[in-house]
Amino acid sequence: MTLKTPSGKQALFISHYLENGRNGLQAAKSAGYKGSNRVLATTANRLLNKPHIRAAVDQEQKDIQESIRYSAEDKRRVLWNIAQAQETEKPHFSILAIAELNKMDGDLAAIKLKTKSEIKADFSVLEEARKRLENLKKDSKND
């Protein structure tokens, strides 16, 4: 079964729908549909239930995701090229590029670990906050 192509106004609706976080009411308004918010919400719902509109939304979303994925692959390639090119002349840039690649891959091994004194300082801040909270609870019970 071949789906028909969305009309100009429907195509505008699809574009606005994806641009504004899938807000159908706002997309209908931006695409030029008229009426109260209730009417616009109904119009958006009606449009989104049409197979050719739903298919176009799904395809646009897929295209967006593919372009994002390609951008990530592109970034990896550029960072890797920097890492290799700067390895001997400017090793600091090479290290920075590799660190960025690691972040992109979720490898956070290079994160600085806190010292014992930094951890103690964090705990003292938490302890002070806990005491303030207890005092606030006591004060609210007394009121």
Protein backbone atom coordinates (compact mmCIF):
# COMPACT_ATOMS: atom_id res chain seq x y z
CA MET A 1 0.00 0.00 0.00
CA THR A 2 1.44 3.32 -1.10
CA LEU A 3 0.98 6.21 1.30
CA LYS A 4 0.12 9.61 -0.08
CA THR A 5 2.48 12.53 0.35
CA PRO A 6 1.57 15.08 3.04
CA SER A 7 0.17 18.36 1.73
CA GLY A 8 2.07 21.60 2.22
CA LYS A 9 0.26 22.43 5.45
CA GLN A 10 0.64 18.88 6.70
CA ALA A 11 4.37 18.97 5.91
CA LEU A 12 4.65 22.20 7.89
CA PHE A 13 2.84 20.52 10.78
CA ILE A 14 5.30 17.60 10.69
CA SER A 15 8.29 19.94 10.64
CA HIS A 16 6.98 22.05 13.54
CA TYR A 17 5.95 18.94 15.46
CA LEU A 18 9.51 17.60 15.44
CA GLU A 19 11.11 21.01 16.01
CA ASN A 20 9.17 21.83 19.17
CA GLY A 21 9.49 18.57 21.04
CA ARG A 22 6.42 16.81 19.65
CA ASN A 23 3.95 19.43 20.86
CA GLY A 24 1.02 18.79 18.54
CA LEU A 25 -1.04 21.80 19.58
CA GLN A 26 1.86 24.21 19.01
CA ALA A 27 2.77 22.49 15.74
CA ALA A 28 -0.80 22.87 14.43
CA LYS A 29 -0.80 26.55 15.39
CA SER A 30 2.62 27.15 13.80
CA ALA A 31 1.58 25.33 10.62
CA GLY A 32 -1.34 27.72 10.17
CA TYR A 33 -4.28 25.70 11.44
CA LYS A 34 -6.91 27.88 13.10
CA GLY A 35 -9.05 27.50 16.20
CA SER A 36 -8.97 27.40 19.97
CA ASN A 37 -6.39 25.35 21.80
CA ARG A 38 -8.93 22.55 22.10
CA VAL A 39 -9.61 22.60 18.35
CA LEU A 40 -5.86 22.73 17.58
CA ALA A 41 -5.16 19.79 19.90
CA THR A 42 -7.92 17.80 18.17
CA THR A 43 -6.51 18.75 14.77
CA ALA A 44 -3.02 17.61 15.83
CA ASN A 45 -4.39 14.32 17.13
CA ARG A 46 -6.36 13.78 13.93
CA LEU A 47 -3.28 14.51 11.80
CA LEU A 48 -1.01 12.24 13.83
CA ASN A 49 -3.46 9.36 13.45
CA LYS A 50 -3.33 9.53 9.65
CA PRO A 51 -1.01 6.77 8.37
CA HIS A 52 0.80 8.97 5.85
CA ILE A 53 1.44 11.67 8.48
CA ARG A 54 2.63 9.13 11.06
CA ALA A 55 4.92 7.53 8.46
CA ALA A 56 6.37 10.93 7.52
CA VAL A 57 6.98 11.81 11.20
CA ASP A 58 8.67 8.45 11.78
CA GLN A 59 10.84 8.85 8.66
CA GLU A 60 11.89 12.40 9.62
CA GLN A 61 12.77 11.20 13.12
CA LYS A 62 14.81 8.34 11.66
CA ASP A 63 16.62 10.75 9.32
CA ILE A 64 17.44 13.05 12.25
CA GLN A 65 18.80 10.16 14.31
CA GLU A 66 20.94 8.96 11.41
CA SER A 67 22.41 12.43 10.87
CA ILE A 68 23.24 12.67 14.57
CA ARG A 69 24.88 9.27 14.55
CA TYR A 70 26.92 10.25 11.51
CA SER A 71 28.00 13.42 13.30
CA ALA A 72 29.32 11.34 16.21
CA GLU A 73 31.24 9.09 13.82
CA ASP A 74 32.60 12.16 12.08
CA LYS A 75 33.74 13.61 15.41
CA ARG A 76 35.50 10.37 16.28
CA ARG A 77 37.34 10.37 12.96
CA VAL A 78 38.49 13.99 13.38
CA LEU A 79 39.60 13.43 16.97
CA TRP A 80 41.50 10.30 15.98
CA ASN A 81 43.23 12.19 13.16
CA ILE A 82 44.24 14.91 15.63
CA ALA A 83 45.52 12.34 18.10
CA GLN A 84 47.69 10.71 15.45
CA ALA A 85 48.91 13.91 13.79
CA GLN A 86 49.93 15.61 17.03
CA GLU A 87 51.47 12.56 18.66
CA THR A 88 55.08 13.74 18.31
CA GLU A 89 54.88 17.49 17.68
CA LYS A 90 52.28 18.47 20.26
CA PRO A 91 51.56 15.45 22.48
CA HIS A 92 49.30 17.52 24.74
CA PHE A 93 46.81 17.95 21.86
CA SER A 94 47.02 14.24 21.17
CA ILE A 95 46.23 13.47 24.82
CA LEU A 96 43.29 15.90 24.80
CA ALA A 97 41.89 14.32 21.63
CA ILE A 98 42.17 10.83 23.13
CA ALA A 99 40.51 12.05 26.35
CA GLU A 100 37.58 13.38 24.29
CA LEU A 101 37.31 10.08 22.45
CA ASN A 102 37.27 8.28 25.79
CA LYS A 103 34.45 10.53 27.04
CA MET A 104 32.44 9.84 23.89
CA ASP A 105 32.86 6.11 24.50
CA GLY A 106 31.96 6.37 28.18
CA ASP A 107 35.49 5.58 29.35
CA LEU A 108 35.93 7.96 32.25
CA ALA A 109 39.03 6.34 33.76
CA ALA A 110 40.94 9.61 33.54
CA ILE A 111 38.64 11.38 36.00
CA LYS A 112 40.61 12.72 38.95
CA LEU A 113 39.99 10.83 42.16
CA LYS A 114 39.41 12.86 45.30
CA THR A 115 41.90 12.90 48.12
CA LYS A 116 40.93 11.89 51.66
CA SER A 117 40.89 15.55 52.76
CA GLU A 118 38.55 16.45 49.87
CA ILE A 119 36.23 13.60 50.83
CA LYS A 120 36.28 14.71 54.50
CA ALA A 121 35.39 18.25 53.39
CA ASP A 122 32.46 16.89 51.37
CA PHE A 123 31.24 14.91 54.38
CA SER A 124 31.48 17.96 56.66
CA VAL A 125 29.32 19.94 54.22
CA LEU A 126 26.80 17.10 54.16
CA GLU A 127 26.82 16.88 57.95
CA GLU A 128 26.13 20.61 58.26
CA ALA A 129 23.25 20.31 55.79
CA ARG A 130 21.83 17.36 57.75
CA LYS A 131 21.95 19.37 61.00
CA ARG A 132 20.21 22.34 59.35
CA LEU A 133 17.51 20.04 58.02
CA GLU A 134 16.95 18.54 61.48
CA ASN A 135 16.68 22.04 62.97
CA LEU A 136 14.17 23.05 60.32
CA LYS A 137 12.08 19.96 61.07
CA LYS A 138 12.15 20.76 64.79
CA ASP A 139 11.19 24.37 64.15
CA SER A 140 8.29 23.37 61.90
CA LYS A 141 6.97 20.97 64.56
CA ASN A 142 7.08 23.76 67.17
CA ASP A 143 5.01 26.09 64.95
